Amino acid sequence: MGSAPRPAGLPTWGGRYSQQRTRETLARWGHVCHLCRLPGATTADHLIPRSKGGTDDVEANLRPAHYNCNVVRGDTDLAVWFATHRLPRRAPLAPSRDWFTA
C-alpha cells in the first residue's frame, strides 16, 4: 500500500505540521470523533481526503477522530463511510427505581 501523492502546494502531512493542525482541530472541534460520535478523539481527519483534493483547513476540512477510526476510514468518501458504518444506537435506559416509589 503506497502513500497518495501530496497535493500541490500543501506541506507533507507529518511531524510538527500535522501535530499543530491536530492541536488546532481538537481545540476548535473538541474530542468527540466525528466518525463514531464517541469521546476520546486524538487525531485530525480530513473530511475531503488530501488525496482527493482536500485541504488542511481546520474550519472547512479537518475534524477530530480516533486514531483507529481515522485509519480504517482511510480516503473513503464520507457518504460511503456512513453508509457502510452505521452509528451504534444506545439501548434505552431503565427507569430509576426511585421513580416507582412515590
N, C-alpha and C. Protein backbone atom coordinates (compact mmCIF):
# COMPACT_ATOMS: atom_id res chain seq x y z
N MET A 1 0.86 -1.17 0.00
CA MET A 1 0.00 0.00 0.00
C MET A 1 0.90 1.23 0.00
N GLY A 2 0.93 1.97 -1.11
CA GLY A 2 1.75 3.17 -1.20
C GLY A 2 0.99 4.39 -0.72
N SER A 3 1.74 5.43 -0.43
CA SER A 3 1.08 6.65 0.04
C SER A 3 0.62 7.46 -1.17
N ALA A 4 -0.45 8.21 -0.96
CA ALA A 4 -1.01 9.03 -2.04
C ALA A 4 -0.07 10.20 -2.32
N PRO A 5 -0.05 10.67 -3.55
CA PRO A 5 0.79 11.82 -3.85
C PRO A 5 0.30 13.05 -3.08
N ARG A 6 1.25 13.87 -2.67
CA ARG A 6 0.92 15.09 -1.93
C ARG A 6 0.28 16.10 -2.86
N PRO A 7 -0.85 16.70 -2.44
CA PRO A 7 -1.47 17.74 -3.26
C PRO A 7 -0.52 18.93 -3.44
N ALA A 8 -0.56 19.52 -4.62
CA ALA A 8 0.31 20.65 -4.91
C ALA A 8 0.07 21.78 -3.93
N GLY A 9 1.13 22.34 -3.39
CA GLY A 9 1.03 23.49 -2.50
C GLY A 9 0.84 23.16 -1.04
N LEU A 10 0.61 21.89 -0.69
CA LEU A 10 0.44 21.53 0.71
C LEU A 10 1.71 20.88 1.25
N PRO A 11 2.07 21.21 2.49
CA PRO A 11 3.22 20.53 3.10
C PRO A 11 2.91 19.06 3.35
N THR A 12 3.91 18.27 3.55
CA THR A 12 3.73 16.87 3.89
C THR A 12 2.97 16.77 5.19
N TRP A 13 2.00 15.84 5.27
CA TRP A 13 1.23 15.65 6.50
C TRP A 13 2.05 14.76 7.42
N GLY A 14 2.69 15.37 8.38
CA GLY A 14 3.52 14.64 9.33
C GLY A 14 4.32 15.61 10.17
N GLY A 15 4.98 15.09 11.18
CA GLY A 15 5.84 15.90 12.02
C GLY A 15 5.11 17.03 12.73
N ARG A 16 5.84 18.13 12.90
CA ARG A 16 5.29 19.28 13.63
C ARG A 16 4.09 19.91 12.94
N TYR A 17 4.08 19.86 11.63
CA TYR A 17 2.96 20.46 10.88
C TYR A 17 1.65 19.76 11.23
N SER A 18 1.61 18.43 11.15
CA SER A 18 0.37 17.71 11.44
C SER A 18 0.03 17.77 12.93
N GLN A 19 1.03 17.80 13.78
CA GLN A 19 0.77 17.93 15.22
C GLN A 19 0.09 19.26 15.53
N GLN A 20 0.55 20.33 14.91
CA GLN A 20 -0.05 21.64 15.12
C GLN A 20 -1.48 21.67 14.58
N ARG A 21 -1.70 21.15 13.38
CA ARG A 21 -3.05 21.12 12.82
C ARG A 21 -3.99 20.27 13.68
N THR A 22 -3.48 19.18 14.22
CA THR A 22 -4.29 18.32 15.09
C THR A 22 -4.66 19.07 16.37
N ARG A 23 -3.69 19.75 16.99
CA ARG A 23 -3.99 20.55 18.19
C ARG A 23 -5.06 21.60 17.89
N GLU A 24 -4.93 22.28 16.76
CA GLU A 24 -5.91 23.30 16.38
C GLU A 24 -7.29 22.68 16.16
N THR A 25 -7.32 21.51 15.52
CA THR A 25 -8.59 20.83 15.26
C THR A 25 -9.28 20.43 16.55
N LEU A 26 -8.53 19.83 17.48
CA LEU A 26 -9.11 19.40 18.74
C LEU A 26 -9.54 20.59 19.59
N ALA A 27 -8.77 21.68 19.54
CA ALA A 27 -9.16 22.89 20.28
C ALA A 27 -10.44 23.49 19.70
N ARG A 28 -10.58 23.46 18.40
CA ARG A 28 -11.75 24.06 17.74
C ARG A 28 -13.00 23.18 17.84
N TRP A 29 -12.84 21.87 17.61
CA TRP A 29 -13.99 20.98 17.49
C TRP A 29 -14.19 20.04 18.67
N GLY A 30 -13.25 19.99 19.61
CA GLY A 30 -13.39 19.10 20.77
C GLY A 30 -12.80 17.73 20.51
N HIS A 31 -13.13 16.79 21.39
CA HIS A 31 -12.52 15.46 21.34
C HIS A 31 -13.53 14.35 21.05
N VAL A 32 -14.67 14.70 20.45
CA VAL A 32 -15.65 13.68 20.06
C VAL A 32 -15.38 13.32 18.60
N CYS A 33 -15.18 12.05 18.34
CA CYS A 33 -14.87 11.56 17.00
C CYS A 33 -16.05 11.82 16.06
N HIS A 34 -15.79 12.45 14.95
CA HIS A 34 -16.87 12.75 14.00
C HIS A 34 -17.31 11.49 13.24
N LEU A 35 -16.56 10.42 13.33
CA LEU A 35 -16.91 9.19 12.62
C LEU A 35 -17.76 8.24 13.46
N CYS A 36 -17.45 8.10 14.75
CA CYS A 36 -18.22 7.17 15.60
C CYS A 36 -19.01 7.88 16.68
N ARG A 37 -18.80 9.18 16.84
CA ARG A 37 -19.52 10.02 17.81
C ARG A 37 -19.20 9.70 19.27
N LEU A 38 -18.07 9.06 19.53
CA LEU A 38 -17.65 8.76 20.89
C LEU A 38 -16.51 9.69 21.29
N PRO A 39 -16.38 10.01 22.58
CA PRO A 39 -15.30 10.88 23.03
C PRO A 39 -13.94 10.19 22.96
N GLY A 40 -12.89 10.98 23.02
CA GLY A 40 -11.53 10.45 23.06
C GLY A 40 -10.75 10.59 21.77
N ALA A 41 -11.22 11.41 20.84
CA ALA A 41 -10.51 11.60 19.57
C ALA A 41 -9.14 12.23 19.82
N THR A 42 -8.15 11.76 19.08
CA THR A 42 -6.79 12.27 19.24
C THR A 42 -6.13 12.67 17.93
N THR A 43 -6.83 12.50 16.80
CA THR A 43 -6.26 12.84 15.50
C THR A 43 -7.18 13.79 14.75
N ALA A 44 -6.64 14.37 13.69
CA ALA A 44 -7.43 15.21 12.79
C ALA A 44 -7.70 14.43 11.51
N ASP A 45 -8.97 14.31 11.15
CA ASP A 45 -9.36 13.59 9.94
C ASP A 45 -9.80 14.60 8.89
N HIS A 46 -9.42 14.37 7.66
CA HIS A 46 -9.81 15.25 6.55
C HIS A 46 -11.19 14.83 6.04
N LEU A 47 -12.16 15.74 6.04
CA LEU A 47 -13.49 15.44 5.51
C LEU A 47 -13.37 15.05 4.05
N ILE A 48 -12.67 15.86 3.28
CA ILE A 48 -12.30 15.52 1.92
C ILE A 48 -10.83 15.15 1.97
N PRO A 49 -10.49 13.89 1.74
CA PRO A 49 -9.09 13.45 1.86
C PRO A 49 -8.14 14.29 0.99
N ARG A 50 -6.94 14.46 1.48
CA ARG A 50 -5.92 15.19 0.72
C ARG A 50 -5.70 14.54 -0.64
N SER A 51 -5.79 13.22 -0.70
CA SER A 51 -5.57 12.51 -1.97
C SER A 51 -6.65 12.81 -2.99
N LYS A 52 -7.77 13.41 -2.52
CA LYS A 52 -8.87 13.76 -3.42
C LYS A 52 -9.08 15.27 -3.48
N GLY A 53 -8.02 16.03 -3.16
CA GLY A 53 -8.06 17.47 -3.30
C GLY A 53 -8.41 18.25 -2.04
N GLY A 54 -8.56 17.57 -0.89
CA GLY A 54 -8.88 18.26 0.36
C GLY A 54 -7.72 19.08 0.88
N THR A 55 -8.05 20.10 1.66
CA THR A 55 -7.05 20.99 2.24
C THR A 55 -6.82 20.65 3.71
N ASP A 56 -5.93 21.38 4.34
CA ASP A 56 -5.65 21.22 5.77
C ASP A 56 -6.31 22.32 6.58
N ASP A 57 -7.40 22.88 6.08
CA ASP A 57 -8.10 23.97 6.74
C ASP A 57 -8.91 23.43 7.93
N VAL A 58 -8.61 23.95 9.12
CA VAL A 58 -9.24 23.48 10.35
C VAL A 58 -10.75 23.74 10.33
N GLU A 59 -11.17 24.88 9.82
CA GLU A 59 -12.60 25.21 9.80
C GLU A 59 -13.36 24.42 8.75
N ALA A 60 -12.77 24.28 7.59
CA ALA A 60 -13.51 23.71 6.46
C ALA A 60 -13.32 22.21 6.25
N ASN A 61 -12.17 21.65 6.66
CA ASN A 61 -11.91 20.29 6.22
C ASN A 61 -11.34 19.34 7.28
N LEU A 62 -11.03 19.80 8.46
CA LEU A 62 -10.49 18.90 9.47
C LEU A 62 -11.48 18.72 10.62
N ARG A 63 -11.62 17.48 11.08
CA ARG A 63 -12.49 17.17 12.21
C ARG A 63 -11.79 16.14 13.09
N PRO A 64 -12.13 16.10 14.38
CA PRO A 64 -11.49 15.15 15.29
C PRO A 64 -11.92 13.71 14.99
N ALA A 65 -11.00 12.78 15.20
CA ALA A 65 -11.30 11.36 15.00
C ALA A 65 -10.37 10.53 15.88
N HIS A 66 -10.85 9.35 16.28
CA HIS A 66 -9.98 8.39 16.95
C HIS A 66 -8.95 7.91 15.94
N TYR A 67 -7.80 7.53 16.41
CA TYR A 67 -6.76 7.04 15.51
C TYR A 67 -7.28 5.86 14.69
N ASN A 68 -7.90 4.88 15.36
CA ASN A 68 -8.37 3.69 14.64
C ASN A 68 -9.47 4.02 13.64
N CYS A 69 -10.41 4.90 14.02
CA CYS A 69 -11.46 5.29 13.08
C CYS A 69 -10.85 5.96 11.85
N ASN A 70 -9.87 6.82 12.08
CA ASN A 70 -9.20 7.55 11.01
C ASN A 70 -8.47 6.58 10.07
N VAL A 71 -7.76 5.62 10.64
CA VAL A 71 -7.01 4.66 9.83
C VAL A 71 -7.96 3.78 9.02
N VAL A 72 -9.03 3.29 9.66
CA VAL A 72 -9.97 2.41 8.96
C VAL A 72 -10.66 3.17 7.83
N ARG A 73 -11.01 4.44 8.07
CA ARG A 73 -11.67 5.22 7.01
C ARG A 73 -10.73 5.43 5.84
N GLY A 74 -9.47 5.70 6.10
CA GLY A 74 -8.52 5.98 5.02
C GLY A 74 -8.98 7.15 4.18
N ASP A 75 -9.06 6.97 2.86
CA ASP A 75 -9.53 8.06 2.00
C ASP A 75 -10.92 7.78 1.42
N THR A 76 -11.69 6.96 2.15
CA THR A 76 -13.06 6.68 1.75
C THR A 76 -13.91 7.94 1.84
N ASP A 77 -14.77 8.17 0.85
CA ASP A 77 -15.68 9.32 0.90
C ASP A 77 -16.59 9.18 2.12
N LEU A 78 -16.93 10.30 2.75
CA LEU A 78 -17.77 10.27 3.95
C LEU A 78 -19.13 9.61 3.71
N ALA A 79 -19.75 9.88 2.59
CA ALA A 79 -21.06 9.28 2.30
C ALA A 79 -20.95 7.75 2.27
N VAL A 80 -19.90 7.24 1.67
CA VAL A 80 -19.69 5.79 1.62
C VAL A 80 -19.39 5.27 3.02
N TRP A 81 -18.56 5.99 3.76
CA TRP A 81 -18.22 5.57 5.13
C TRP A 81 -19.49 5.41 5.97
N PHE A 82 -20.33 6.45 6.01
CA PHE A 82 -21.52 6.40 6.85
C PHE A 82 -22.56 5.41 6.33
N ALA A 83 -22.56 5.12 5.04
CA ALA A 83 -23.48 4.12 4.51
C ALA A 83 -23.07 2.71 4.93
N THR A 84 -21.79 2.49 5.13
CA THR A 84 -21.30 1.15 5.47
C THR A 84 -20.94 0.99 6.94
N HIS A 85 -20.85 2.09 7.69
CA HIS A 85 -20.52 2.05 9.12
C HIS A 85 -21.60 2.81 9.89
N ARG A 86 -22.68 2.13 10.17
CA ARG A 86 -23.78 2.75 10.89
C ARG A 86 -23.34 3.11 12.30
N LEU A 87 -23.82 4.25 12.79
CA LEU A 87 -23.52 4.66 14.15
C LEU A 87 -24.24 3.74 15.12
N PRO A 88 -23.57 3.36 16.22
CA PRO A 88 -24.23 2.48 17.19
C PRO A 88 -25.40 3.20 17.87
N ARG A 89 -26.44 2.45 18.14
CA ARG A 89 -27.59 3.01 18.86
C ARG A 89 -27.51 2.55 20.31
N ARG A 90 -27.78 3.48 21.22
CA ARG A 90 -27.78 3.14 22.63
C ARG A 90 -29.12 2.52 23.00
N ALA A 91 -29.04 1.52 23.86
CA ALA A 91 -30.27 0.93 24.39
C ALA A 91 -30.90 1.94 25.34
N PRO A 92 -32.22 2.01 25.39
CA PRO A 92 -32.85 2.95 26.31
C PRO A 92 -32.52 2.60 27.75
N LEU A 93 -32.35 3.60 28.56
CA LEU A 93 -32.04 3.39 29.97
C LEU A 93 -33.28 2.91 30.71
N ALA A 94 -33.07 2.03 31.67
CA ALA A 94 -34.17 1.57 32.51
C ALA A 94 -34.58 2.70 33.44
N PRO A 95 -35.85 2.80 33.78
CA PRO A 95 -36.27 3.85 34.71
C PRO A 95 -35.65 3.64 36.07
N SER A 96 -35.46 4.71 36.78
CA SER A 96 -34.90 4.66 38.12
C SER A 96 -35.89 3.98 39.06
N ARG A 97 -35.39 3.21 40.00
CA ARG A 97 -36.26 2.58 41.00
C ARG A 97 -36.97 3.64 41.83
N ASP A 98 -36.31 4.78 42.03
CA ASP A 98 -36.91 5.85 42.82
C ASP A 98 -38.16 6.39 42.13
N TRP A 99 -38.23 6.25 40.83
CA TRP A 99 -39.38 6.76 40.09
C TRP A 99 -40.64 5.98 40.44
N PHE A 100 -40.46 4.67 40.72
CA PHE A 100 -41.60 3.81 41.02
C PHE A 100 -42.16 4.02 42.43
N THR A 101 -41.34 4.49 43.34
CA THR A 101 -41.79 4.67 44.72
C THR A 101 -42.19 6.13 44.94
N ALA A 102 -43.45 6.38 44.86
CA ALA A 102 -43.89 7.75 45.05
C ALA A 102 -45.02 7.81 46.05
